[in-house]
Amino acid sequence: MRFGLFGTGPWAHLAHAPALAAHPDAEFVGVWGRNPDKAAELAGEFNVRAYADQDELLADVDAVAVALPPNVQAPLALKAAQQGKHLLLDKPVAFTNEEAAAIVDAVAERNLASVVFFTRRLFPQIAEFVADAAAVGGWTEGRVDHLGSIFTEDNPFGASAWRKESGGLWDVGPHALALVLPVLGPVTEVAGMAGPRDMTHLLLRHASGTISNLTLSVDAPTAAEREDAQFAGGAGVRPVPDAPWSPTDALGVAIDQLIAAAAGGPPVELDVKFGAEVTAILVAAQEAVASGRTVAIDSAR
């Protein structure tokens, strides 16, 4: 499968470009970026072509891998799907329900394959845990604390304008939701409050009646950084296991899944439809925090 990479930021350097270059069933065709100099630099590192024109790269590939901010990714993903390209997107897929739904519709209409890069969910240890926890069932609560401190000199993501503006809700919130949704089921309503810095506290009611509790931040004090998640119920308290951090391996799994699905293989769990479900919850959470009231999720989405 011929892939074009759209984006030249830290994620493109750390995950997308090396994973595409290393994958035996992927042909890394070229790079497009909003900064032509950065596109040329990244393309040169992997001996592929730097494209000045977005549409020209789309015309040369079967699939797109996107490492761009959500507001830039969404219209590009829609255009790519409308041109029949398979999608490997970053999370969140979009900032609005309308944009996410348009991408879902375009993918469905053309029977395209799609994967959203929820990094940790693609690690084998995490995937196995989530599948087992979903099968066990009977959970009465879920809890995820995902707090980072990215605005430091040594963190490449700290310069990200959209992360500064949207905070942990939109950056690490998708990762938390990717853990709880498969285990506890769809969310029907959201309540939330904001704390110091970008701290966001969410309570989610799932269709099963179970409540999950998410604490999210990308601007926590360094000493408060943590990634902890657990489920509790009749089977006891089960923490989500740690997994070696290897984004290139995770993206390799995503590429595997995309290629297999495009060839008529098993459907992808973390597809754009799931990504749109995550966006709907984040939109509701943002409204809940701003308004101070509980917000229902539209079940039709």
Protein backbone atom coordinates (compact mmCIF):
# COMPACT_ATOMS: atom_id res chain seq x y z
CA MET A 1 0.00 0.00 0.00
CA ARG A 2 1.40 3.39 -1.02
CA PHE A 3 1.33 5.92 1.83
CA GLY A 4 1.72 9.66 1.87
CA LEU A 5 2.67 11.34 5.13
CA PHE A 6 1.01 14.67 5.92
CA GLY A 7 2.75 16.54 8.72
CA THR A 8 6.31 17.23 9.80
CA GLY A 9 6.07 17.72 13.57
CA PRO A 10 7.43 15.59 16.44
CA TRP A 11 4.95 12.74 15.93
CA ALA A 12 5.84 12.50 12.24
CA HIS A 13 9.53 12.23 13.19
CA LEU A 14 9.09 9.89 16.16
CA ALA A 15 6.42 7.53 14.86
CA HIS A 16 4.96 8.00 11.39
CA ALA A 17 8.00 8.34 9.15
CA PRO A 18 10.09 5.56 10.75
CA ALA A 19 7.12 3.18 10.95
CA LEU A 20 6.18 3.74 7.31
CA ALA A 21 9.77 3.35 6.18
CA ALA A 22 10.21 0.11 8.13
CA HIS A 23 6.93 -1.61 7.28
CA PRO A 24 7.40 -4.43 4.74
CA ASP A 25 3.96 -3.94 3.17
CA ALA A 26 4.01 -0.15 2.99
CA GLU A 27 5.63 2.01 0.34
CA PHE A 28 6.52 5.38 1.85
CA VAL A 29 5.93 7.67 -1.14
CA GLY A 30 6.47 11.16 0.19
CA VAL A 31 5.85 13.95 2.68
CA TRP A 32 3.74 17.09 2.60
CA GLY A 33 3.89 19.74 5.30
CA ARG A 34 2.72 23.25 5.96
CA ASN A 35 6.39 24.25 6.20
CA PRO A 36 8.16 23.25 2.94
CA ASP A 37 11.61 23.36 4.54
CA LYS A 38 10.58 20.93 7.27
CA ALA A 39 8.94 18.68 4.68
CA ALA A 40 12.15 18.63 2.65
CA GLU A 41 14.19 17.84 5.75
CA LEU A 42 11.99 14.94 6.82
CA ALA A 43 11.68 13.57 3.29
CA GLY A 44 15.45 13.72 2.85
CA GLU A 45 16.01 11.78 6.06
CA PHE A 46 13.96 8.88 4.65
CA ASN A 47 14.94 9.27 1.00
CA VAL A 48 11.43 10.03 -0.21
CA ARG A 49 9.98 12.96 -2.14
CA ALA A 50 8.89 16.19 -0.50
CA TYR A 51 5.66 17.40 -2.09
CA ALA A 52 4.84 21.09 -2.30
CA ASP A 53 1.25 20.38 -3.32
CA GLN A 54 -1.13 18.44 -1.08
CA ASP A 55 -3.28 17.25 -3.98
CA GLU A 56 -0.28 15.96 -5.90
CA LEU A 57 0.71 13.68 -3.03
CA LEU A 58 -2.89 12.49 -2.67
CA ALA A 59 -2.91 11.54 -6.34
CA ASP A 60 0.21 9.36 -5.91
CA VAL A 61 -0.91 7.23 -2.94
CA ASP A 62 -3.44 4.66 -1.77
CA ALA A 63 -3.54 5.85 1.85
CA VAL A 64 -2.70 8.87 3.97
CA ALA A 65 -0.95 8.94 7.33
CA VAL A 66 -1.70 12.20 9.11
CA ALA A 67 0.33 13.86 11.86
CA LEU A 68 -1.32 17.27 11.94
CA PRO A 69 -3.44 19.30 14.40
CA PRO A 70 -7.12 18.23 14.49
CA ASN A 71 -8.38 21.38 12.76
CA VAL A 72 -5.93 20.78 9.89
CA GLN A 73 -6.37 17.01 9.83
CA ALA A 74 -10.18 17.00 9.53
CA PRO A 75 -10.55 18.76 6.15
CA LEU A 76 -7.57 16.86 4.75
CA ALA A 77 -9.00 13.52 5.90
CA LEU A 78 -12.36 14.35 4.30
CA LYS A 79 -10.69 15.32 1.02
CA ALA A 80 -8.56 12.15 1.04
CA ALA A 81 -11.57 9.92 1.73
CA GLN A 82 -13.58 11.62 -1.01
CA GLN A 83 -10.72 10.72 -3.35
CA GLY A 84 -10.83 7.08 -2.25
CA LYS A 85 -7.79 7.03 0.02
CA HIS A 86 -7.59 4.87 3.13
CA LEU A 87 -7.03 6.82 6.35
CA LEU A 88 -4.48 6.50 9.15
CA LEU A 89 -5.39 9.47 11.36
CA ASP A 90 -4.18 10.92 14.61
CA LYS A 91 -6.47 11.51 17.56
CA PRO A 92 -8.76 13.37 17.95
CA VAL A 93 -10.04 13.02 14.41
CA ALA A 94 -11.69 16.46 14.60
CA PHE A 95 -12.74 19.20 17.00
CA THR A 96 -16.40 19.13 15.91
CA ASN A 97 -19.06 16.47 15.53
CA GLU A 98 -19.97 17.78 12.08
CA GLU A 99 -16.43 17.32 10.72
CA ALA A 100 -16.05 13.89 12.32
CA ALA A 101 -19.41 12.73 10.92
CA ALA A 102 -18.50 13.91 7.42
CA ILE A 103 -15.30 11.83 7.51
CA VAL A 104 -17.21 8.77 8.76
CA ASP A 105 -19.77 9.14 5.97
CA ALA A 106 -17.12 9.55 3.26
CA VAL A 107 -15.26 6.45 4.47
CA ALA A 108 -18.46 4.38 4.63
CA GLU A 109 -19.71 5.51 1.22
CA ARG A 110 -16.48 4.37 -0.44
CA ASN A 111 -15.91 1.25 1.69
CA LEU A 112 -12.50 2.53 2.82
CA ALA A 113 -10.35 1.27 5.66
CA SER A 114 -9.46 3.60 8.54
CA VAL A 115 -7.46 3.53 11.75
CA VAL A 116 -7.10 6.23 14.39
CA PHE A 117 -3.74 6.23 16.19
CA PHE A 118 -4.72 5.72 19.84
CA THR A 119 -1.14 4.82 20.71
CA ARG A 120 -1.39 2.79 23.91
CA ARG A 121 -4.41 0.80 22.72
CA LEU A 122 -2.22 -0.62 19.95
CA PHE A 123 0.34 -2.09 22.35
CA PRO A 124 -0.32 -5.87 22.59
CA GLN A 125 -0.39 -5.90 26.40
CA ILE A 126 -3.01 -3.14 26.52
CA ALA A 127 -5.08 -4.59 23.67
CA GLU A 128 -5.19 -7.98 25.41
CA PHE A 129 -6.14 -6.41 28.75
CA VAL A 130 -8.97 -4.37 27.20
CA ALA A 131 -10.37 -7.37 25.33
CA ASP A 132 -10.26 -9.51 28.48
CA ALA A 133 -11.82 -6.80 30.67
CA ALA A 134 -14.63 -6.30 28.14
CA ALA A 135 -15.30 -10.04 28.13
CA VAL A 136 -15.35 -10.27 31.94
CA GLY A 137 -17.85 -7.44 32.39
CA GLY A 138 -19.64 -6.64 35.60
CA TRP A 139 -17.58 -3.52 36.27
CA THR A 140 -19.04 -0.95 38.66
CA GLU A 141 -16.46 1.77 38.04
CA GLY A 142 -13.57 2.84 35.88
CA ARG A 143 -10.86 5.36 36.64
CA VAL A 144 -8.18 6.93 34.45
CA ASP A 145 -5.60 9.49 35.56
CA HIS A 146 -3.59 10.77 32.60
CA LEU A 147 -1.49 13.74 33.61
CA GLY A 148 1.56 14.95 31.73
CA SER A 149 3.81 17.98 31.86
CA ILE A 150 4.66 18.74 28.24
CA PHE A 151 5.52 22.43 28.45
CA THR A 152 9.14 21.86 29.36
CA GLU A 153 12.27 22.57 27.35
CA ASP A 154 12.99 18.90 26.71
CA ASN A 155 9.49 17.96 25.48
CA PRO A 156 9.01 18.27 21.70
CA PHE A 157 5.23 18.50 22.05
CA GLY A 158 5.37 21.60 24.23
CA ALA A 159 5.54 23.89 21.20
CA SER A 160 2.21 22.60 19.87
CA ALA A 161 -0.19 25.53 19.60
CA TRP A 162 -3.32 23.38 19.59
CA ARG A 163 -2.24 21.54 22.75
CA LYS A 164 -1.65 24.85 24.51
CA GLU A 165 -5.12 26.02 23.53
CA SER A 166 -7.09 22.78 23.98
CA GLY A 167 -5.18 21.20 26.86
CA GLY A 168 -5.39 17.74 28.30
CA LEU A 169 -9.09 17.27 27.52
CA TRP A 170 -8.41 17.05 23.79
CA ASP A 171 -4.85 15.72 23.87
CA VAL A 172 -4.85 12.90 26.43
CA GLY A 173 -8.63 12.66 26.82
CA PRO A 174 -8.88 10.53 23.66
CA HIS A 175 -6.39 8.03 25.10
CA ALA A 176 -8.42 7.73 28.30
CA LEU A 177 -11.65 7.24 26.37
CA ALA A 178 -10.05 4.60 24.18
CA LEU A 179 -9.49 2.58 27.36
CA VAL A 180 -12.90 2.96 29.01
CA LEU A 181 -15.30 2.81 26.05
CA PRO A 182 -14.55 -0.78 24.94
CA VAL A 183 -14.81 -2.01 28.54
CA LEU A 184 -17.73 0.01 29.93
CA GLY A 185 -19.65 0.74 26.74
CA PRO A 186 -21.09 3.92 25.19
CA VAL A 187 -21.34 7.14 27.18
CA THR A 188 -24.78 8.69 27.63
CA GLU A 189 -23.93 11.83 29.64
CA VAL A 190 -20.95 13.82 30.85
CA ALA A 191 -20.28 16.13 33.79
CA GLY A 192 -17.05 18.01 34.27
CA MET A 193 -15.10 20.64 36.13
CA ALA A 194 -11.84 22.42 35.40
CA GLY A 195 -9.14 22.89 38.00
CA PRO A 196 -5.85 24.79 38.09
CA ARG A 197 -3.80 25.06 34.90
CA ASP A 198 -5.50 22.79 32.35
CA MET A 199 -6.69 20.16 34.84
CA THR A 200 -9.97 18.59 33.72
CA HIS A 201 -12.09 16.24 35.84
CA LEU A 202 -14.84 14.28 34.07
CA LEU A 203 -17.59 11.94 35.23
CA LEU A 204 -19.03 9.79 32.46
CA ARG A 205 -22.25 7.79 32.73
CA HIS A 206 -22.18 4.76 30.46
CA ALA A 207 -25.26 3.11 28.97
CA SER A 208 -24.71 0.21 31.38
CA GLY A 209 -25.15 2.61 34.31
CA THR A 210 -21.48 2.41 35.28
CA ILE A 211 -19.68 5.65 36.06
CA SER A 212 -16.11 6.33 34.99
CA ASN A 213 -13.88 9.07 36.35
CA LEU A 214 -11.21 10.75 34.22
CA THR A 215 -8.54 13.21 35.38
CA LEU A 216 -6.71 14.81 32.48
CA SER A 217 -3.89 17.31 32.04
CA VAL A 218 -0.89 18.09 29.86
CA ASP A 219 0.24 20.94 32.11
CA ALA A 220 0.45 19.23 35.50
CA PRO A 221 3.34 19.92 37.87
CA THR A 222 6.18 17.58 36.94
CA ALA A 223 5.97 15.86 40.32
CA ALA A 224 2.28 15.10 39.70
CA GLU A 225 2.72 13.36 36.32
CA ARG A 226 1.14 9.92 36.15
CA GLU A 227 -0.69 7.45 33.92
CA ASP A 228 -2.88 5.15 35.98
CA ALA A 229 -6.04 3.32 34.98
CA GLN A 230 -8.13 0.63 36.61
CA PHE A 231 -11.51 -1.05 36.56
CA ALA A 232 -13.34 -2.40 39.59
CA GLY A 233 -16.30 -4.71 40.00
CA GLY A 234 -17.26 -8.25 40.85
CA ALA A 235 -13.98 -9.53 39.42
CA GLY A 236 -12.01 -7.29 41.79
CA VAL A 237 -9.81 -4.32 41.05
CA ARG A 238 -7.81 -4.67 37.86
CA PRO A 239 -5.18 -2.07 36.94
CA VAL A 240 -4.37 -1.55 33.29
CA PRO A 241 -0.86 -2.96 32.85
CA ASP A 242 2.22 -0.98 31.92
CA ALA A 243 3.64 -1.50 28.45
CA PRO A 244 6.99 -0.59 26.90
CA TRP A 245 6.67 2.78 25.18
CA SER A 246 7.27 2.25 21.45
CA PRO A 247 5.18 4.49 19.20
CA THR A 248 6.80 3.10 16.05
CA ASP A 249 5.72 -0.44 17.02
CA ALA A 250 2.20 0.84 17.75
CA LEU A 251 2.00 2.57 14.40
CA GLY A 252 3.27 -0.59 12.75
CA VAL A 253 0.26 -2.42 14.22
CA ALA A 254 -2.02 0.34 12.92
CA ILE A 255 -0.54 -0.06 9.43
CA ASP A 256 -1.04 -3.83 9.67
CA GLN A 257 -4.69 -3.33 10.56
CA LEU A 258 -5.30 -0.77 7.84
CA ILE A 259 -3.77 -2.92 5.09
CA ALA A 260 -5.66 -6.02 6.28
CA ALA A 261 -8.99 -4.18 6.43
CA ALA A 262 -8.47 -2.66 2.98
CA ALA A 263 -7.93 -6.18 1.64
CA GLY A 264 -11.26 -7.36 3.08
CA GLY A 265 -9.91 -8.58 6.40
CA PRO A 266 -11.33 -8.03 9.89
CA PRO A 267 -12.86 -4.64 10.70
CA VAL A 268 -10.73 -2.20 12.67
CA GLU A 269 -11.93 -1.44 16.19
CA LEU A 270 -10.18 1.93 16.37
CA ASP A 271 -11.63 3.26 13.12
CA VAL A 272 -13.01 6.69 12.26
CA LYS A 273 -16.44 5.74 13.59
CA PHE A 274 -14.86 5.08 16.98
CA GLY A 275 -12.88 8.31 16.57
CA ALA A 276 -16.14 10.21 15.98
CA GLU A 277 -17.63 8.66 19.12
CA VAL A 278 -14.63 9.98 21.06
CA THR A 279 -15.05 13.43 19.51
CA ALA A 280 -18.74 13.51 20.52
CA ILE A 281 -17.81 12.83 24.15
CA LEU A 282 -15.07 15.48 24.14
CA VAL A 283 -17.44 18.07 22.65
CA ALA A 284 -19.99 17.26 25.36
CA ALA A 285 -17.29 17.37 28.03
CA GLN A 286 -16.13 20.79 26.88
CA GLU A 287 -19.72 22.04 27.07
CA ALA A 288 -20.19 20.46 30.51
CA VAL A 289 -17.08 22.14 31.90
CA ALA A 290 -18.03 25.53 30.42
CA SER A 291 -21.69 25.42 31.47
CA GLY A 292 -21.45 23.63 34.81
CA ARG A 293 -24.22 21.22 33.87
CA THR A 294 -24.46 17.60 32.81
CA VAL A 295 -24.58 17.17 29.05
CA ALA A 296 -26.27 14.27 27.28
CA ILE A 297 -24.60 12.50 24.37
CA ASP A 298 -26.64 12.22 21.19
CA SER A 299 -27.07 8.46 20.77
CA ALA A 300 -27.65 8.91 17.04
CA ARG A 301 -24.00 9.81 16.51
